[in-house]
Amino acid sequence: MLKPFQYWVILALAAVSLVLVVVSAGLQFTDRSAQSRLSARTQYIQQSQSIGSLYQEVAKALANLAIENHDEEVKALLAGEGFTINPAAAKAAAGAGPGKP
């Protein structure tokens, strides 16, 4: 038979173990939630990077067309999005073209 002191020590250890199990389960749930959010953010960043290059190419094409057609509205639209239009550089790039030195 256990002495009363031994009983209370074992009971206290069992209570501490139960609390640690509950804390561990809570931390595991929190960790899974954080991993899920991190995964979603990583996917968003990867998709944004692939779309970013397409966005720049579309903006360059619009800038070239705006310069060729003297379209001030498109120039204003691009300026509003943070693109600076340099007519001299656009003409030089269009003049070089693919296959031309």
PDB file of N, CA and C in Angstrom:
ATOM      1  N   MET A   1       0.830  -1.173   0.000  1.00  0.00           N
ATOM      2  CA  MET A   1       0.000   0.000   0.000  1.00  0.00           C
ATOM      3  C   MET A   1       0.882   1.246   0.000  1.00  0.00           C
ATOM      4  N   LEU A   2       0.400   2.301  -0.631  1.00  0.00           N
ATOM      5  CA  LEU A   2       1.161   3.546  -0.699  1.00  0.00           C
ATOM      6  C   LEU A   2       0.930   4.374   0.557  1.00  0.00           C
ATOM      7  N   LYS A   3       1.988   5.065   0.918  1.00  0.00           N
ATOM      8  CA  LYS A   3       1.848   6.011   2.019  1.00  0.00           C
ATOM      9  C   LYS A   3       1.151   7.259   1.477  1.00  0.00           C
ATOM     10  N   PRO A   4       0.489   8.040   2.306  1.00  0.00           N
ATOM     11  CA  PRO A   4      -0.218   9.229   1.816  1.00  0.00           C
ATOM     12  C   PRO A   4       0.688  10.192   1.053  1.00  0.00           C
ATOM     13  N   PHE A   5       1.926  10.345   1.507  1.00  0.00           N
ATOM     14  CA  PHE A   5       2.867  11.233   0.818  1.00  0.00           C
ATOM     15  C   PHE A   5       3.134  10.722  -0.594  1.00  0.00           C
ATOM     16  N   GLN A   6       3.353   9.430  -0.755  1.00  0.00           N
ATOM     17  CA  GLN A   6       3.622   8.837  -2.059  1.00  0.00           C
ATOM     18  C   GLN A   6       2.393   8.991  -2.978  1.00  0.00           C
ATOM     19  N   TYR A   7       1.215   8.811  -2.418  1.00  0.00           N
ATOM     20  CA  TYR A   7      -0.015   8.962  -3.187  1.00  0.00           C
ATOM     21  C   TYR A   7      -0.121  10.370  -3.763  1.00  0.00           C
ATOM     22  N   TRP A   8       0.119  11.385  -2.934  1.00  0.00           N
ATOM     23  CA  TRP A   8      -0.007  12.770  -3.389  1.00  0.00           C
ATOM     24  C   TRP A   8       1.071  13.132  -4.407  1.00  0.00           C
ATOM     25  N   VAL A   9       2.248  12.589  -4.252  1.00  0.00           N
ATOM     26  CA  VAL A   9       3.313  12.841  -5.228  1.00  0.00           C
ATOM     27  C   VAL A   9       2.935  12.234  -6.578  1.00  0.00           C
ATOM     28  N   ILE A  10       2.444  11.012  -6.566  1.00  0.00           N
ATOM     29  CA  ILE A  10       2.042  10.348  -7.814  1.00  0.00           C
ATOM     30  C   ILE A  10       0.861  11.092  -8.446  1.00  0.00           C
ATOM     31  N   LEU A  11      -0.097  11.520  -7.631  1.00  0.00           N
ATOM     32  CA  LEU A  11      -1.243  12.268  -8.134  1.00  0.00           C
ATOM     33  C   LEU A  11      -0.806  13.598  -8.757  1.00  0.00           C
ATOM     34  N   ALA A  12       0.125  14.285  -8.121  1.00  0.00           N
ATOM     35  CA  ALA A  12       0.630  15.551  -8.654  1.00  0.00           C
ATOM     36  C   ALA A  12       1.362  15.322  -9.978  1.00  0.00           C
ATOM     37  N   LEU A  13       2.175  14.275 -10.054  1.00  0.00           N
ATOM     38  CA  LEU A  13       2.879  13.963 -11.300  1.00  0.00           C
ATOM     39  C   LEU A  13       1.892  13.619 -12.422  1.00  0.00           C
ATOM     40  N   ALA A  14       0.831  12.904 -12.090  1.00  0.00           N
ATOM     41  CA  ALA A  14      -0.185  12.570 -13.089  1.00  0.00           C
ATOM     42  C   ALA A  14      -0.884  13.840 -13.578  1.00  0.00           C
ATOM     43  N   ALA A  15      -1.198  14.752 -12.655  1.00  0.00           N
ATOM     44  CA  ALA A  15      -1.848  16.006 -13.037  1.00  0.00           C
ATOM     45  C   ALA A  15      -0.938  16.839 -13.932  1.00  0.00           C
ATOM     46  N   VAL A  16       0.340  16.916 -13.589  1.00  0.00           N
ATOM     47  CA  VAL A  16       1.302  17.653 -14.404  1.00  0.00           C
ATOM     48  C   VAL A  16       1.415  17.005 -15.784  1.00  0.00           C
ATOM     49  N   SER A  17       1.429  15.688 -15.844  1.00  0.00           N
ATOM     50  CA  SER A  17       1.503  14.987 -17.127  1.00  0.00           C
ATOM     51  C   SER A  17       0.282  15.290 -17.978  1.00  0.00           C
ATOM     52  N   LEU A  18      -0.898  15.300 -17.361  1.00  0.00           N
ATOM     53  CA  LEU A  18      -2.121  15.608 -18.088  1.00  0.00           C
ATOM     54  C   LEU A  18      -2.094  17.033 -18.635  1.00  0.00           C
ATOM     55  N   VAL A  19      -1.619  17.981 -17.841  1.00  0.00           N
ATOM     56  CA  VAL A  19      -1.512  19.366 -18.296  1.00  0.00           C
ATOM     57  C   VAL A  19      -0.524  19.462 -19.460  1.00  0.00           C
ATOM     58  N   LEU A  20       0.581  18.753 -19.369  1.00  0.00           N
ATOM     59  CA  LEU A  20       1.567  18.781 -20.452  1.00  0.00           C
ATOM     60  C   LEU A  20       1.010  18.171 -21.739  1.00  0.00           C
ATOM     61  N   VAL A  21       0.188  17.143 -21.634  1.00  0.00           N
ATOM     62  CA  VAL A  21      -0.429  16.546 -22.822  1.00  0.00           C
ATOM     63  C   VAL A  21      -1.373  17.554 -23.477  1.00  0.00           C
ATOM     64  N   VAL A  22      -2.165  18.254 -22.683  1.00  0.00           N
ATOM     65  CA  VAL A  22      -3.085  19.246 -23.219  1.00  0.00           C
ATOM     66  C   VAL A  22      -2.311  20.392 -23.880  1.00  0.00           C
ATOM     67  N   VAL A  23      -1.250  20.870 -23.232  1.00  0.00           N
ATOM     68  CA  VAL A  23      -0.431  21.943 -23.800  1.00  0.00           C
ATOM     69  C   VAL A  23       0.213  21.485 -25.107  1.00  0.00           C
ATOM     70  N   SER A  24       0.700  20.266 -25.129  1.00  0.00           N
ATOM     71  CA  SER A  24       1.326  19.728 -26.336  1.00  0.00           C
ATOM     72  C   SER A  24       0.321  19.656 -27.480  1.00  0.00           C
ATOM     73  N   ALA A  25      -0.892  19.215 -27.201  1.00  0.00           N
ATOM     74  CA  ALA A  25      -1.927  19.146 -28.243  1.00  0.00           C
ATOM     75  C   ALA A  25      -2.260  20.547 -28.758  1.00  0.00           C
ATOM     76  N   GLY A  26      -2.340  21.519 -27.869  1.00  0.00           N
ATOM     77  CA  GLY A  26      -2.613  22.895 -28.279  1.00  0.00           C
ATOM     78  C   GLY A  26      -1.509  23.449 -29.147  1.00  0.00           C
ATOM     79  N   LEU A  27      -0.276  23.179 -28.778  1.00  0.00           N
ATOM     80  CA  LEU A  27       0.858  23.660 -29.587  1.00  0.00           C
ATOM     81  C   LEU A  27       0.888  22.992 -30.950  1.00  0.00           C
ATOM     82  N   GLN A  28       0.536  21.718 -30.998  1.00  0.00           N
ATOM     83  CA  GLN A  28       0.508  21.018 -32.281  1.00  0.00           C
ATOM     84  C   GLN A  28      -0.556  21.616 -33.185  1.00  0.00           C
ATOM     85  N   PHE A  29      -1.723  21.931 -32.645  1.00  0.00           N
ATOM     86  CA  PHE A  29      -2.790  22.555 -33.428  1.00  0.00           C
ATOM     87  C   PHE A  29      -2.342  23.922 -33.942  1.00  0.00           C
ATOM     88  N   THR A  30      -1.711  24.714 -33.088  1.00  0.00           N
ATOM     89  CA  THR A  30      -1.226  26.041 -33.473  1.00  0.00           C
ATOM     90  C   THR A  30      -0.161  25.926 -34.556  1.00  0.00           C
ATOM     91  N   ASP A  31       0.710  24.939 -34.436  1.00  0.00           N
ATOM     92  CA  ASP A  31       1.777  24.742 -35.417  1.00  0.00           C
ATOM     93  C   ASP A  31       1.194  24.379 -36.785  1.00  0.00           C
ATOM     94  N   ARG A  32       0.199  23.515 -36.796  1.00  0.00           N
ATOM     95  CA  ARG A  32      -0.418  23.137 -38.076  1.00  0.00           C
ATOM     96  C   ARG A  32      -1.093  24.340 -38.724  1.00  0.00           C
ATOM     97  N   SER A  33      -1.728  25.150 -37.919  1.00  0.00           N
ATOM     98  CA  SER A  33      -2.385  26.344 -38.435  1.00  0.00           C
ATOM     99  C   SER A  33      -1.356  27.305 -39.034  1.00  0.00           C
ATOM    100  N   ALA A  34      -0.244  27.494 -38.335  1.00  0.00           N
ATOM    101  CA  ALA A  34       0.812  28.382 -38.834  1.00  0.00           C
ATOM    102  C   ALA A  34       1.428  27.831 -40.118  1.00  0.00           C
ATOM    103  N   GLN A  35       1.621  26.518 -40.177  1.00  0.00           N
ATOM    104  CA  GLN A  35       2.173  25.913 -41.388  1.00  0.00           C
ATOM    105  C   GLN A  35       1.223  26.082 -42.564  1.00  0.00           C
ATOM    106  N   SER A  36      -0.060  25.975 -42.313  1.00  0.00           N
ATOM    107  CA  SER A  36      -1.048  26.156 -43.372  1.00  0.00           C
ATOM    108  C   SER A  36      -1.010  27.582 -43.913  1.00  0.00           C
ATOM    109  N   ARG A  37      -0.945  28.568 -43.018  1.00  0.00           N
ATOM    110  CA  ARG A  37      -0.877  29.968 -43.462  1.00  0.00           C
ATOM    111  C   ARG A  37       0.421  30.228 -44.225  1.00  0.00           C
ATOM    112  N   LEU A  38       1.517  29.672 -43.749  1.00  0.00           N
ATOM    113  CA  LEU A  38       2.801  29.859 -44.424  1.00  0.00           C
ATOM    114  C   LEU A  38       2.775  29.243 -45.816  1.00  0.00           C
ATOM    115  N   SER A  39       2.176  28.083 -45.936  1.00  0.00           N
ATOM    116  CA  SER A  39       2.073  27.425 -47.237  1.00  0.00           C
ATOM    117  C   SER A  39       1.256  28.268 -48.207  1.00  0.00           C
ATOM    118  N   ALA A  40       0.157  28.842 -47.735  1.00  0.00           N
ATOM    119  CA  ALA A  40      -0.678  29.687 -48.598  1.00  0.00           C
ATOM    120  C   ALA A  40       0.087  30.939 -49.032  1.00  0.00           C
ATOM    121  N   ARG A  41       0.846  31.527 -48.127  1.00  0.00           N
ATOM    122  CA  ARG A  41       1.637  32.721 -48.477  1.00  0.00           C
ATOM    123  C   ARG A  41       2.715  32.382 -49.487  1.00  0.00           C
ATOM    124  N   THR A  42       3.368  31.250 -49.308  1.00  0.00           N
ATOM    125  CA  THR A  42       4.416  30.826 -50.237  1.00  0.00           C
ATOM    126  C   THR A  42       3.838  30.615 -51.629  1.00  0.00           C
ATOM    127  N   GLN A  43       2.673  29.979 -51.705  1.00  0.00           N
ATOM    128  CA  GLN A  43       2.024  29.762 -52.995  1.00  0.00           C
ATOM    129  C   GLN A  43       1.670  31.094 -53.650  1.00  0.00           C
ATOM    130  N   TYR A  44       1.169  32.037 -52.875  1.00  0.00           N
ATOM    131  CA  TYR A  44       0.811  33.359 -53.413  1.00  0.00           C
ATOM    132  C   TYR A  44       2.048  34.063 -53.970  1.00  0.00           C
ATOM    133  N   ILE A  45       3.154  34.010 -53.239  1.00  0.00           N
ATOM    134  CA  ILE A  45       4.387  34.669 -53.688  1.00  0.00           C
ATOM    135  C   ILE A  45       4.885  34.036 -54.979  1.00  0.00           C
ATOM    136  N   GLN A  46       4.868  32.711 -55.057  1.00  0.00           N
ATOM    137  CA  GLN A  46       5.331  32.036 -56.265  1.00  0.00           C
ATOM    138  C   GLN A  46       4.457  32.385 -57.469  1.00  0.00           C
ATOM    139  N   GLN A  47       3.146  32.450 -57.264  1.00  0.00           N
ATOM    140  CA  GLN A  47       2.258  32.809 -58.358  1.00  0.00           C
ATOM    141  C   GLN A  47       2.462  34.263 -58.758  1.00  0.00           C
ATOM    142  N   SER A  48       2.696  35.132 -57.790  1.00  0.00           N
ATOM    143  CA  SER A  48       2.903  36.548 -58.081  1.00  0.00           C
ATOM    144  C   SER A  48       4.174  36.765 -58.890  1.00  0.00           C
ATOM    145  N   GLN A  49       5.212  35.996 -58.603  1.00  0.00           N
ATOM    146  CA  GLN A  49       6.459  36.152 -59.345  1.00  0.00           C
ATOM    147  C   GLN A  49       6.279  35.762 -60.804  1.00  0.00           C
ATOM    148  N   SER A  50       5.553  34.708 -61.060  1.00  0.00           N
ATOM    149  CA  SER A  50       5.366  34.288 -62.450  1.00  0.00           C
ATOM    150  C   SER A  50       4.477  35.270 -63.202  1.00  0.00           C
ATOM    151  N   ILE A  51       3.515  35.849 -62.528  1.00  0.00           N
ATOM    152  CA  ILE A  51       2.635  36.828 -63.171  1.00  0.00           C
ATOM    153  C   ILE A  51       3.341  38.169 -63.333  1.00  0.00           C
ATOM    154  N   GLY A  52       4.297  38.475 -62.461  1.00  0.00           N
ATOM    155  CA  GLY A  52       4.999  39.757 -62.505  1.00  0.00           C
ATOM    156  C   GLY A  52       5.725  39.991 -63.810  1.00  0.00           C
ATOM    157  N   SER A  53       6.377  38.967 -64.340  1.00  0.00           N
ATOM    158  CA  SER A  53       7.097  39.142 -65.605  1.00  0.00           C
ATOM    159  C   SER A  53       6.115  39.378 -66.752  1.00  0.00           C
ATOM    160  N   LEU A  54       4.984  38.682 -66.716  1.00  0.00           N
ATOM    161  CA  LEU A  54       3.964  38.903 -67.740  1.00  0.00           C
ATOM    162  C   LEU A  54       3.415  40.323 -67.641  1.00  0.00           C
ATOM    163  N   TYR A  55       3.201  40.797 -66.438  1.00  0.00           N
ATOM    164  CA  TYR A  55       2.698  42.147 -66.197  1.00  0.00           C
ATOM    165  C   TYR A  55       3.661  43.184 -66.779  1.00  0.00           C
ATOM    166  N   GLN A  56       4.967  42.977 -66.589  1.00  0.00           N
ATOM    167  CA  GLN A  56       5.956  43.913 -67.125  1.00  0.00           C
ATOM    168  C   GLN A  56       5.969  43.892 -68.657  1.00  0.00           C
ATOM    169  N   GLU A  57       5.840  42.715 -69.245  1.00  0.00           N
ATOM    170  CA  GLU A  57       5.831  42.623 -70.704  1.00  0.00           C
ATOM    171  C   GLU A  57       4.608  43.329 -71.285  1.00  0.00           C
ATOM    172  N   VAL A  58       3.455  43.175 -70.642  1.00  0.00           N
ATOM    173  CA  VAL A  58       2.250  43.852 -71.103  1.00  0.00           C
ATOM    174  C   VAL A  58       2.430  45.364 -70.979  1.00  0.00           C
ATOM    175  N   ALA A  59       3.027  45.808 -69.884  1.00  0.00           N
ATOM    176  CA  ALA A  59       3.252  47.241 -69.683  1.00  0.00           C
ATOM    177  C   ALA A  59       4.219  47.784 -70.733  1.00  0.00           C
ATOM    178  N   LYS A  60       5.253  47.027 -71.068  1.00  0.00           N
ATOM    179  CA  LYS A  60       6.193  47.476 -72.107  1.00  0.00           C
ATOM    180  C   LYS A  60       5.493  47.585 -73.460  1.00  0.00           C
ATOM    181  N   ALA A  61       4.660  46.595 -73.771  1.00  0.00           N
ATOM    182  CA  ALA A  61       3.944  46.635 -75.044  1.00  0.00           C
ATOM    183  C   ALA A  61       2.989  47.832 -75.089  1.00  0.00           C
ATOM    184  N   LEU A  62       2.305  48.079 -73.979  1.00  0.00           N
ATOM    185  CA  LEU A  62       1.418  49.244 -73.917  1.00  0.00           C
ATOM    186  C   LEU A  62       2.193  50.541 -74.063  1.00  0.00           C
ATOM    187  N   ALA A  63       3.357  50.611 -73.434  1.00  0.00           N
ATOM    188  CA  ALA A  63       4.172  51.827 -73.526  1.00  0.00           C
ATOM    189  C   ALA A  63       4.616  52.061 -74.965  1.00  0.00           C
ATOM    190  N   ASN A  64       5.050  51.002 -75.639  1.00  0.00           N
ATOM    191  CA  ASN A  64       5.473  51.144 -77.036  1.00  0.00           C
ATOM    192  C   ASN A  64       4.316  51.604 -77.917  1.00  0.00           C
ATOM    193  N   LEU A  65       3.140  51.017 -77.713  1.00  0.00           N
ATOM    194  CA  LEU A  65       1.975  51.422 -78.495  1.00  0.00           C
ATOM    195  C   LEU A  65       1.554  52.855 -78.169  1.00  0.00           C
ATOM    196  N   ALA A  66       1.651  53.239 -76.912  1.00  0.00           N
ATOM    197  CA  ALA A  66       1.287  54.603 -76.520  1.00  0.00           C
ATOM    198  C   ALA A  66       2.221  55.616 -77.171  1.00  0.00           C
ATOM    199  N   ILE A  67       3.490  55.278 -77.269  1.00  0.00           N
ATOM    200  CA  ILE A  67       4.454  56.192 -77.894  1.00  0.00           C
ATOM    201  C   ILE A  67       4.209  56.266 -79.403  1.00  0.00           C
ATOM    202  N   GLU A  68       3.996  55.096 -80.019  1.00  0.00           N
ATOM    203  CA  GLU A  68       3.776  55.080 -81.470  1.00  0.00           C
ATOM    204  C   GLU A  68       2.500  55.823 -81.861  1.00  0.00           C
ATOM    205  N   ASN A  69       1.443  55.671 -81.053  1.00  0.00           N
ATOM    206  CA  ASN A  69       0.144  56.255 -81.396  1.00  0.00           C
ATOM    207  C   ASN A  69      -0.115  57.583 -80.694  1.00  0.00           C
ATOM    208  N   HIS A  70       0.868  58.058 -79.944  1.00  0.00           N
ATOM    209  CA  HIS A  70       0.747  59.316 -79.187  1.00  0.00           C
ATOM    210  C   HIS A  70      -0.520  59.308 -78.320  1.00  0.00           C
ATOM    211  N   ASP A  71      -0.710  58.229 -77.594  1.00  0.00           N
ATOM    212  CA  ASP A  71      -1.906  58.039 -76.761  1.00  0.00           C
ATOM    213  C   ASP A  71      -1.611  58.491 -75.333  1.00  0.00           C
ATOM    214  N   GLU A  72      -2.067  59.674 -75.001  1.00  0.00           N
ATOM    215  CA  GLU A  72      -1.790  60.256 -73.684  1.00  0.00           C
ATOM    216  C   GLU A  72      -2.542  59.538 -72.565  1.00  0.00           C
ATOM    217  N   GLU A  73      -3.703  58.978 -72.860  1.00  0.00           N
ATOM    218  CA  GLU A  73      -4.479  58.281 -71.834  1.00  0.00           C
ATOM    219  C   GLU A  73      -3.746  57.018 -71.360  1.00  0.00           C
ATOM    220  N   VAL A  74      -3.175  56.289 -72.291  1.00  0.00           N
ATOM    221  CA  VAL A  74      -2.433  55.077 -71.922  1.00  0.00           C
ATOM    222  C   VAL A  74      -1.155  55.459 -71.173  1.00  0.00           C
ATOM    223  N   LYS A  75      -0.521  56.536 -71.611  1.00  0.00           N
ATOM    224  CA  LYS A  75       0.663  57.014 -70.889  1.00  0.00           C
ATOM    225  C   LYS A  75       0.308  57.388 -69.456  1.00  0.00           C
ATOM    226  N   ALA A  76      -0.825  58.054 -69.266  1.00  0.00           N
ATOM    227  CA  ALA A  76      -1.268  58.437 -67.920  1.00  0.00           C
ATOM    228  C   ALA A  76      -1.598  57.199 -67.091  1.00  0.00           C
ATOM    229  N   LEU A  77      -2.218  56.207 -67.726  1.00  0.00           N
ATOM    230  CA  LEU A  77      -2.535  54.956 -67.038  1.00  0.00           C
ATOM    231  C   LEU A  77      -1.263  54.269 -66.548  1.00  0.00           C
ATOM    232  N   LEU A  78      -0.276  54.178 -67.420  1.00  0.00           N
ATOM    233  CA  LEU A  78       0.990  53.536 -67.040  1.00  0.00           C
ATOM    234  C   LEU A  78       1.721  54.344 -65.969  1.00  0.00           C
ATOM    235  N   ALA A  79       1.677  55.652 -66.081  1.00  0.00           N
ATOM    236  CA  ALA A  79       2.313  56.499 -65.063  1.00  0.00           C
ATOM    237  C   ALA A  79       1.623  56.305 -63.712  1.00  0.00           C
ATOM    238  N   GLY A  80       0.307  56.130 -63.729  1.00  0.00           N
ATOM    239  CA  GLY A  80      -0.431  55.878 -62.494  1.00  0.00           C
ATOM    240  C   GLY A  80      -0.057  54.558 -61.844  1.00  0.00           C
ATOM    241  N   GLU A  81       0.390  53.601 -62.646  1.00  0.00           N
ATOM    242  CA  GLU A  81       0.821  52.304 -62.131  1.00  0.00           C
ATOM    243  C   GLU A  81       2.304  52.292 -61.750  1.00  0.00           C
ATOM    244  N   GLY A  82       2.978  53.429 -61.948  1.00  0.00           N
ATOM    245  CA  GLY A  82       4.374  53.528 -61.534  1.00  0.00           C
ATOM    246  C   GLY A  82       5.391  53.287 -62.631  1.00  0.00           C
ATOM    247  N   PHE A  83       4.948  53.200 -63.875  1.00  0.00           N
ATOM    248  CA  PHE A  83       5.873  52.997 -64.991  1.00  0.00           C
ATOM    249  C   PHE A  83       6.263  54.348 -65.567  1.00  0.00           C
ATOM    250  N   THR A  84       7.550  54.513 -65.797  1.00  0.00           N
ATOM    251  CA  THR A  84       8.057  55.726 -66.421  1.00  0.00           C
ATOM    252  C   THR A  84       8.303  55.426 -67.890  1.00  0.00           C
ATOM    253  N   ILE A  85       7.733  56.244 -68.746  1.00  0.00           N
ATOM    254  CA  ILE A  85       7.867  56.025 -70.188  1.00  0.00           C
ATOM    255  C   ILE A  85       8.969  56.923 -70.709  1.00  0.00           C
ATOM    256  N   ASN A  86       9.959  56.296 -71.343  1.00  0.00           N
ATOM    257  CA  ASN A  86      11.078  57.005 -71.937  1.00  0.00           C
ATOM    258  C   ASN A  86      11.002  56.783 -73.445  1.00  0.00           C
ATOM    259  N   PRO A  87      10.532  57.769 -74.209  1.00  0.00           N
ATOM    260  CA  PRO A  87      10.349  57.580 -75.661  1.00  0.00           C
ATOM    261  C   PRO A  87      11.633  57.201 -76.386  1.00  0.00           C
ATOM    262  N   ALA A  88      12.756  57.772 -75.994  1.00  0.00           N
ATOM    263  CA  ALA A  88      14.019  57.474 -76.690  1.00  0.00           C
ATOM    264  C   ALA A  88      14.409  56.013 -76.499  1.00  0.00           C
ATOM    265  N   ALA A  89      14.269  55.512 -75.279  1.00  0.00           N
ATOM    266  CA  ALA A  89      14.631  54.121 -75.011  1.00  0.00           C
ATOM    267  C   ALA A  89      13.664  53.171 -75.724  1.00  0.00           C
ATOM    268  N   ALA A  90      12.389  53.538 -75.768  1.00  0.00           N
ATOM    269  CA  ALA A  90      11.395  52.672 -76.434  1.00  0.00           C
ATOM    270  C   ALA A  90      11.666  52.597 -77.928  1.00  0.00           C
ATOM    271  N   LYS A  91      12.029  53.711 -78.553  1.00  0.00           N
ATOM    272  CA  LYS A  91      12.328  53.710 -79.988  1.00  0.00           C
ATOM    273  C   LYS A  91      13.586  52.885 -80.260  1.00  0.00           C
ATOM    274  N   ALA A  92      14.588  53.014 -79.384  1.00  0.00           N
ATOM    275  CA  ALA A  92      15.820  52.246 -79.570  1.00  0.00           C
ATOM    276  C   ALA A  92      15.553  50.747 -79.442  1.00  0.00           C
ATOM    277  N   ALA A  93      14.717  50.388 -78.470  1.00  0.00           N
ATOM    278  CA  ALA A  93      14.403  48.964 -78.260  1.00  0.00           C
ATOM    279  C   ALA A  93      13.571  48.442 -79.436  1.00  0.00           C
ATOM    280  N   ALA A  94      12.631  49.245 -79.913  1.00  0.00           N
ATOM    281  CA  ALA A  94      11.801  48.813 -81.039  1.00  0.00           C
ATOM    282  C   ALA A  94      12.625  48.737 -82.320  1.00  0.00           C
ATOM    283  N   GLY A  95      13.601  49.637 -82.474  1.00  0.00           N
ATOM    284  CA  GLY A  95      14.456  49.637 -83.666  1.00  0.00           C
ATOM    285  C   GLY A  95      15.375  48.442 -83.726  1.00  0.00           C
ATOM    286  N   ALA A  96      15.860  47.992 -82.572  1.00  0.00           N
ATOM    287  CA  ALA A  96      16.754  46.848 -82.534  1.00  0.00           C
ATOM    288  C   ALA A  96      15.998  45.587 -82.926  1.00  0.00           C
ATOM    289  N   GLY A  97      14.841  45.352 -82.285  1.00  0.00           N
ATOM    290  CA  GLY A  97      13.983  44.212 -82.640  1.00  0.00           C
ATOM    291  C   GLY A  97      14.716  42.894 -82.532  1.00  0.00           C
ATOM    292  N   PRO A  98      14.015  41.802 -82.679  1.00  0.00           N
ATOM    293  CA  PRO A  98      14.671  40.501 -82.632  1.00  0.00           C
ATOM    294  C   PRO A  98      15.459  40.239 -83.908  1.00  0.00           C
ATOM    295  N   GLY A  99      16.633  39.734 -83.730  1.00  0.00           N
ATOM    296  CA  GLY A  99      17.471  39.395 -84.870  1.00  0.00           C
ATOM    297  C   GLY A  99      18.271  40.556 -85.414  1.00  0.00           C
ATOM    298  N   LYS A 100      18.081  41.756 -84.881  1.00  0.00           N
ATOM    299  CA  LYS A 100      18.853  42.915 -85.344  1.00  0.00           C
ATOM    300  C   LYS A 100      19.882  43.251 -84.277  1.00  0.00           C
ATOM    301  N   PRO A 101      21.077  43.661 -84.669  1.00  0.00           N
ATOM    302  CA  PRO A 101      22.114  43.964 -83.684  1.00  0.00           C
ATOM    303  C   PRO A 101      21.855  45.267 -82.953  1.00  0.00           C
TER     304      PRO A 101
END
